[in-house]
């Protein structure tokens, strides 16, 4: 979902010849103020009018530069930490946060907005990373397709290994996909080191399909989305059903809220930033009520700030899970590559 919206945004920018964060229609651009380089992932999107309003109010232009997915972003930040590629970074998630902190990529800064919800997701007490959004990766189902087959809706991870769901599940590769990795981590968190391997062997035995990325899984193989593929069960996001509303306004798909793993995306001021003070103001802006209110419809994730209303369609179709699985970022950092290698041996070896 988020990756598809990012493609649309990027295409529009190429066609228009504009850069996110610029305001070509104004006579008071970056030449008359300050410019903060915000490095982020490819899925970043924000209303241009909101960025322009921030520039007018603060005198700061946000120059957005996209560096790939969360893993590619983190790698680039580490490789360039002695000569940073920007002033502020947004999009390092909880699967890579410990690496960024261990490499001393971020400077200490605790935003005055951090106590309004983001503190729930803090990695440590240093204040170097502040949560901006939450995206829960969950199993999604095509409810009508299952009903046509006369099958009950699965509810839990173990349900997916039942014989009636043979050849129905499609997942994305954890080695090449952020939601694929999140789903793998979710099975490890839920089933433990002693149970997750057996679980994936069982899924493989039930005809699970593995594809390289979310977009292929969701838009081509999943029957409940635009591609009308053959498989009624897919790994996607808790927010995905909000984009699959029927003419009656009711969701045609459902996220199974007992199968979710919580992804948290963070922002932080970079060590060695050219303009630390302005970068701090941009971070405050990312946590502001206005920006947080735009997060769901722009990037299909939940705001980290408390008290921000979700879009009306989300209240019914995409409620945020209340008990998503998590793992300590340090544990992910220590074991991520081993877990992926073991998964490859079990599923693809």
Protein backbone atom coordinates (compact mmCIF):
# COMPACT_ATOMS: atom_id res chain seq x y z
CA UNK A 1 0.00 0.00 0.00
CA UNK A 2 2.60 2.57 1.05
CA UNK A 3 4.93 1.56 -1.75
CA UNK A 4 2.18 1.94 -4.35
CA UNK A 5 1.31 5.43 -3.13
CA UNK A 6 4.99 6.34 -3.22
CA UNK A 7 5.18 5.31 -6.88
CA UNK A 8 2.19 7.53 -7.68
CA UNK A 9 3.74 10.49 -5.85
CA UNK A 10 7.13 10.01 -7.50
CA UNK A 11 5.53 9.80 -10.96
CA UNK A 12 3.59 13.00 -10.35
CA UNK A 13 6.75 14.79 -9.26
CA UNK A 14 8.63 13.71 -12.37
CA UNK A 15 5.79 14.87 -14.61
CA UNK A 16 5.46 18.21 -12.83
CA UNK A 17 9.18 18.86 -12.58
CA UNK A 18 8.86 19.80 -8.88
CA UNK A 19 10.70 18.71 -5.77
CA UNK A 20 8.91 17.82 -2.56
CA UNK A 21 9.38 20.69 -0.15
CA UNK A 22 9.83 23.37 -2.79
CA UNK A 23 7.39 26.19 -3.43
CA UNK A 24 7.95 27.37 -6.98
CA UNK A 25 4.89 29.58 -6.80
CA UNK A 26 6.28 31.75 -3.99
CA UNK A 27 8.74 34.63 -4.12
CA UNK A 28 10.12 33.84 -0.67
CA UNK A 29 11.82 30.50 -1.25
CA UNK A 30 14.97 28.98 0.22
CA UNK A 31 17.09 31.88 -1.05
CA UNK A 32 15.47 34.11 1.58
CA UNK A 33 15.42 31.55 4.38
CA UNK A 34 16.98 28.28 5.45
CA UNK A 35 16.98 24.84 3.81
CA UNK A 36 16.92 21.58 5.76
CA UNK A 37 17.72 18.38 3.88
CA UNK A 38 15.40 15.60 5.04
CA UNK A 39 16.63 12.18 3.91
CA UNK A 40 13.95 9.54 3.98
CA UNK A 41 12.61 6.35 2.38
CA UNK A 42 10.88 6.02 -0.96
CA UNK A 43 7.41 5.87 0.60
CA UNK A 44 7.54 9.36 2.11
CA UNK A 45 4.67 11.61 1.04
CA UNK A 46 3.23 14.81 2.48
CA UNK A 47 0.76 17.44 1.24
CA UNK A 48 2.70 20.14 -0.60
CA UNK A 49 0.47 22.81 0.93
CA UNK A 50 1.46 21.65 4.41
CA UNK A 51 5.17 21.83 3.58
CA UNK A 52 4.65 25.28 2.08
CA UNK A 53 2.76 26.46 5.18
CA UNK A 54 5.65 25.30 7.36
CA UNK A 55 8.11 27.21 5.14
CA UNK A 56 6.07 30.39 5.36
CA UNK A 57 5.73 30.14 9.14
CA UNK A 58 9.31 29.12 9.93
CA UNK A 59 11.39 30.40 7.02
CA UNK A 60 12.66 26.83 6.52
CA UNK A 61 12.33 24.93 3.26
CA UNK A 62 12.28 21.14 3.64
CA UNK A 63 14.35 19.55 0.85
CA UNK A 64 13.20 15.91 0.71
CA UNK A 65 15.66 13.34 -0.65
CA UNK A 66 14.65 9.68 -0.92
CA UNK A 67 17.24 6.95 -0.43
CA UNK A 68 15.36 3.66 -0.88
CA UNK A 69 13.65 1.52 1.74
CA UNK A 70 14.35 1.55 5.49
CA UNK A 71 17.32 -0.78 5.13
CA UNK A 72 18.90 1.18 2.27
CA UNK A 73 18.31 4.44 4.13
CA UNK A 74 20.00 3.12 7.27
CA UNK A 75 22.96 1.76 5.30
CA UNK A 76 23.46 5.11 3.58
CA UNK A 77 23.29 6.98 6.88
CA UNK A 78 25.93 4.69 8.38
CA UNK A 79 28.24 4.89 5.37
CA UNK A 80 28.08 8.70 5.29
CA UNK A 81 28.02 9.43 9.02
CA UNK A 82 31.31 11.33 8.90
CA UNK A 83 29.94 13.55 6.13
CA UNK A 84 26.15 13.28 6.46
CA UNK A 85 23.94 13.47 3.37
CA UNK A 86 21.36 15.60 5.18
CA UNK A 87 20.36 17.35 8.36
CA UNK A 88 17.53 15.09 9.46
CA UNK A 89 16.50 11.52 8.69
CA UNK A 90 13.02 10.00 8.76
CA UNK A 91 12.17 6.36 8.10
CA UNK A 92 14.65 4.27 10.07
CA UNK A 93 12.34 1.69 11.61
CA UNK A 94 12.53 -0.62 14.60
CA UNK A 95 14.14 -3.38 12.52
CA UNK A 96 17.19 -1.16 11.87
CA UNK A 97 17.09 1.37 14.75
CA UNK A 98 19.73 -0.31 16.90
CA UNK A 99 22.24 -0.33 14.06
CA UNK A 100 21.81 3.40 13.50
CA UNK A 101 22.20 4.09 17.22
CA UNK A 102 25.21 1.81 17.60
CA UNK A 103 26.88 3.66 14.72
CA UNK A 104 26.20 7.04 16.41
CA UNK A 105 24.36 8.40 13.36
CA UNK A 106 21.95 10.61 15.32
CA UNK A 107 22.41 13.53 17.70
CA UNK A 108 20.61 13.80 21.01
CA UNK A 109 17.42 15.84 20.81
CA UNK A 110 14.16 15.35 22.66
CA UNK A 111 11.38 17.26 20.95
CA UNK A 112 8.81 19.00 23.16
CA UNK A 113 6.23 17.08 21.10
CA UNK A 114 7.71 13.69 22.02
CA UNK A 115 5.67 13.38 25.21
CA UNK A 116 2.40 13.47 23.27
CA UNK A 117 2.51 9.84 22.19
CA UNK A 118 5.85 9.10 20.52
CA UNK A 119 7.43 8.33 23.89
CA UNK A 120 5.46 5.05 23.91
CA UNK A 121 7.76 3.73 21.20
CA UNK A 122 11.15 5.08 22.30
CA UNK A 123 14.12 2.81 21.62
CA UNK A 124 16.17 4.11 24.54
CA UNK A 125 16.39 7.14 26.82
CA UNK A 126 18.86 9.11 24.70
CA UNK A 127 16.26 10.98 22.66
CA UNK A 128 18.24 10.36 19.47
CA UNK A 129 15.28 8.74 17.71
CA UNK A 130 11.66 9.85 17.98
CA UNK A 131 8.70 7.83 16.67
CA UNK A 132 6.73 9.51 13.88
CA UNK A 133 4.43 6.75 12.66
CA UNK A 134 3.35 3.18 13.26
CA UNK A 135 2.57 0.62 10.57
CA UNK A 136 1.26 -2.78 11.64
CA UNK A 137 1.98 -5.66 9.26
CA UNK A 138 -0.82 -8.22 9.37
CA UNK A 139 -2.35 -11.04 7.39
CA UNK A 140 -5.19 -9.73 5.18
CA UNK A 141 -8.03 -11.81 3.76
CA UNK A 142 -10.52 -11.48 0.91
CA UNK A 143 -13.70 -12.15 2.88
CA UNK A 144 -15.96 -12.69 -0.14
CA UNK A 145 -13.57 -15.16 -1.77
CA UNK A 146 -13.39 -17.26 1.39
CA UNK A 147 -17.17 -17.15 1.76
CA UNK A 148 -17.62 -18.34 -1.82
CA UNK A 149 -15.44 -21.33 -1.00
CA UNK A 150 -17.53 -22.03 2.09
CA UNK A 151 -14.54 -21.52 4.35
CA UNK A 152 -14.44 -19.85 7.78
CA UNK A 153 -12.19 -16.84 8.12
CA UNK A 154 -8.84 -17.65 9.74
CA UNK A 155 -8.07 -15.62 12.85
CA UNK A 156 -4.61 -16.56 14.08
CA UNK A 157 -1.22 -17.51 12.71
CA UNK A 158 -1.72 -21.24 13.45
CA UNK A 159 -5.02 -21.18 11.50
CA UNK A 160 -3.07 -20.57 8.30
CA UNK A 161 -1.49 -24.03 8.53
CA UNK A 162 -4.88 -25.78 8.36
CA UNK A 163 -5.57 -27.95 5.32
CA UNK A 164 -8.55 -25.86 4.15
CA UNK A 165 -6.21 -22.92 3.42
CA UNK A 166 -3.85 -24.88 1.15
CA UNK A 167 -2.55 -22.81 -1.80
CA UNK A 168 -4.24 -19.63 -0.50
CA UNK A 169 -1.46 -17.64 1.20
CA UNK A 170 1.03 -15.33 -0.52
CA UNK A 171 3.87 -13.64 1.39
CA UNK A 172 6.80 -11.46 0.41
CA UNK A 173 10.43 -12.47 0.88
CA UNK A 174 11.88 -11.15 4.18
CA UNK A 175 15.26 -10.73 2.50
CA UNK A 176 13.89 -8.25 -0.05
CA UNK A 177 10.73 -6.83 1.50
CA UNK A 178 10.07 -4.73 4.60
CA UNK A 179 6.61 -6.25 5.29
CA UNK A 180 8.06 -9.67 4.52
CA UNK A 181 10.69 -9.17 7.21
CA UNK A 182 8.08 -7.82 9.62
CA UNK A 183 5.92 -10.91 9.13
CA UNK A 184 8.91 -13.18 9.78
CA UNK A 185 9.70 -11.23 12.95
CA UNK A 186 6.05 -11.46 13.97
CA UNK A 187 6.15 -15.26 13.78
CA UNK A 188 9.35 -15.30 15.83
CA UNK A 189 7.84 -12.98 18.45
CA UNK A 190 4.62 -15.00 18.65
CA UNK A 191 6.04 -18.54 18.45
CA UNK A 192 9.54 -18.13 19.87
CA UNK A 193 12.86 -19.55 18.77
CA UNK A 194 11.52 -23.07 19.31
CA UNK A 195 8.37 -22.66 17.23
CA UNK A 196 8.85 -20.32 14.30
CA UNK A 197 10.87 -22.71 12.12
CA UNK A 198 8.31 -25.49 12.39
CA UNK A 199 5.60 -22.99 11.57
CA UNK A 200 7.23 -21.87 8.31
CA UNK A 201 7.81 -25.48 7.28
CA UNK A 202 4.09 -26.06 7.82
CA UNK A 203 3.19 -22.99 5.72
CA UNK A 204 5.45 -24.25 2.93
CA UNK A 205 3.72 -27.61 3.11
CA UNK A 206 0.37 -25.87 2.63
CA UNK A 207 1.44 -24.35 -0.68
CA UNK A 208 2.45 -20.88 0.53
CA UNK A 209 3.65 -18.67 -2.34
CA UNK A 210 6.68 -16.40 -1.83
CA UNK A 211 7.24 -13.36 -4.07
CA UNK A 212 9.93 -10.70 -3.98
CA UNK A 213 7.93 -7.75 -2.67
CA UNK A 214 4.71 -6.39 -1.24
CA UNK A 215 3.51 -4.81 -4.46
CA UNK A 216 3.61 -8.10 -6.38
CA UNK A 217 1.99 -9.99 -3.52
CA UNK A 218 -0.81 -7.50 -2.91
CA UNK A 219 -1.59 -6.05 -6.34
CA UNK A 220 -0.99 -9.14 -8.47
CA UNK A 221 -1.48 -12.32 -6.45
CA UNK A 222 -4.07 -11.26 -3.86
CA UNK A 223 -7.68 -11.71 -4.98
CA UNK A 224 -8.99 -8.85 -2.87
CA UNK A 225 -7.15 -6.01 -4.59
CA UNK A 226 -6.79 -4.50 -8.06
CA UNK A 227 -5.03 -7.48 -9.61
CA UNK A 228 -7.80 -9.94 -8.70
CA UNK A 229 -5.20 -12.65 -8.28
CA UNK A 230 -5.84 -16.28 -7.32
CA UNK A 231 -4.96 -16.12 -3.60
CA UNK A 232 -7.37 -14.83 -0.95
CA UNK A 233 -4.81 -14.50 1.89
CA UNK A 234 -1.86 -12.10 1.83
CA UNK A 235 0.62 -10.41 4.16
CA UNK A 236 -0.01 -6.65 4.04
CA UNK A 237 -0.89 -3.88 6.51
CA UNK A 238 -3.62 -3.30 9.06
CA UNK A 239 -4.50 -0.18 7.07
CA UNK A 240 -4.87 -1.96 3.71
CA UNK A 241 -8.64 -2.60 3.96
CA UNK A 242 -9.25 1.16 4.00
CA UNK A 243 -8.34 1.16 0.30
CA UNK A 244 -10.64 -1.74 -0.56
CA UNK A 245 -14.07 -0.28 0.11
CA UNK A 246 -17.06 -1.44 -1.93
CA UNK A 247 -19.71 0.79 -3.46
CA UNK A 248 -21.65 0.46 -0.22
CA UNK A 249 -18.71 1.95 1.67
CA UNK A 250 -17.97 -1.32 3.47
CA UNK A 251 -14.54 -3.00 3.33
CA UNK A 252 -14.17 -5.99 1.04
CA UNK A 253 -11.07 -7.22 2.86
CA UNK A 254 -10.08 -7.62 6.48
CA UNK A 255 -6.84 -7.48 8.44
CA UNK A 256 -6.49 -10.25 11.01
CA UNK A 257 -5.55 -8.23 14.07
CA UNK A 258 -4.20 -11.25 15.97
CA UNK A 259 -1.46 -11.78 13.36
CA UNK A 260 0.23 -8.36 13.41
CA UNK A 261 3.80 -7.16 13.97
CA UNK A 262 4.35 -3.52 14.84
CA UNK A 263 6.67 -1.46 12.65
CA UNK A 264 7.62 1.92 14.09
CA UNK A 265 9.34 4.57 11.97
CA UNK A 266 11.61 7.13 13.61
CA UNK A 267 13.15 10.50 12.82
CA UNK A 268 16.25 12.09 14.25
CA UNK A 269 18.66 14.98 13.79
CA UNK A 270 21.88 13.76 12.17
CA UNK A 271 25.23 14.18 13.86
CA UNK A 272 27.18 16.72 11.84
CA UNK A 273 24.07 18.40 10.43
CA UNK A 274 24.81 21.74 8.78
CA UNK A 275 21.91 23.44 10.57
CA UNK A 276 21.06 21.57 13.74
CA UNK A 277 18.65 24.19 15.08
CA UNK A 278 16.55 24.21 11.91
CA UNK A 279 16.62 20.41 11.74
CA UNK A 280 15.16 20.30 15.26
CA UNK A 281 12.31 22.55 14.13
CA UNK A 282 11.58 20.21 11.22
CA UNK A 283 11.46 17.25 13.61
CA UNK A 284 9.01 19.19 15.81
CA UNK A 285 6.93 19.75 12.65
CA UNK A 286 6.86 16.01 11.84
CA UNK A 287 5.35 15.43 15.28
CA UNK A 288 2.89 18.32 15.03
CA UNK A 289 -0.82 17.66 15.00
CA UNK A 290 -1.18 18.92 11.42
CA UNK A 291 1.52 16.66 9.98
CA UNK A 292 0.40 13.69 12.06
CA UNK A 293 -3.18 14.10 10.83
CA UNK A 294 -1.90 13.82 7.25
CA UNK A 295 0.10 10.64 7.86
CA UNK A 296 -2.70 8.05 7.39
CA UNK A 297 -3.93 9.11 3.97
CA UNK A 298 -0.48 10.11 2.68
CA UNK A 299 1.51 7.06 3.77
CA UNK A 300 -1.10 4.52 4.95
CA UNK A 301 0.31 4.34 8.47
CA UNK A 302 -0.94 5.36 11.91
CA UNK A 303 0.24 8.56 13.61
CA UNK A 304 2.53 8.19 16.62
CA UNK A 305 0.94 11.20 18.29
CA UNK A 306 -1.98 10.44 20.60
CA UNK A 307 -5.40 11.98 20.02
CA UNK A 308 -5.06 12.35 16.23
CA UNK A 309 -8.29 11.30 14.55
CA UNK A 310 -8.07 8.65 11.85
CA UNK A 311 -9.91 9.13 8.54
CA UNK A 312 -13.56 8.13 8.78
CA UNK A 313 -13.10 5.09 6.53
CA UNK A 314 -10.35 3.77 8.82
CA UNK A 315 -12.57 3.66 11.88
CA UNK A 316 -14.49 0.74 10.40
CA UNK A 317 -12.07 -0.74 7.88
CA UNK A 318 -8.66 -0.20 9.47
CA UNK A 319 -8.71 0.09 13.26
CA UNK A 320 -5.22 0.03 14.74
CA UNK A 321 -4.33 -3.30 16.39
CA UNK A 322 -4.14 -3.08 20.16
CA UNK A 323 -1.88 -6.08 20.78
CA UNK A 324 0.57 -6.30 17.89
CA UNK A 325 3.70 -8.38 18.40
CA UNK A 326 7.02 -6.61 18.96
CA UNK A 327 10.67 -7.50 19.49
CA UNK A 328 13.38 -5.38 21.13
CA UNK A 329 15.30 -3.50 18.40
CA UNK A 330 18.58 -4.76 19.85
CA UNK A 331 17.42 -8.38 19.47
CA UNK A 332 16.44 -7.70 15.86
CA UNK A 333 19.82 -6.13 15.14
CA UNK A 334 21.70 -9.05 16.70
CA UNK A 335 19.70 -11.82 15.00
CA UNK A 336 18.16 -10.36 11.81
CA UNK A 337 20.63 -11.80 9.30
CA UNK A 338 20.72 -15.18 11.01
CA UNK A 339 16.94 -15.40 11.03
CA UNK A 340 16.75 -14.48 7.34
CA UNK A 341 19.41 -17.06 6.44
CA UNK A 342 17.58 -19.74 8.41
CA UNK A 343 14.30 -18.77 6.74
CA UNK A 344 15.93 -19.13 3.31
CA UNK A 345 17.18 -22.60 4.18
CA UNK A 346 13.76 -23.69 5.45
CA UNK A 347 11.59 -22.18 2.73
CA UNK A 348 13.80 -21.87 -0.34
CA UNK A 349 16.59 -24.34 0.30
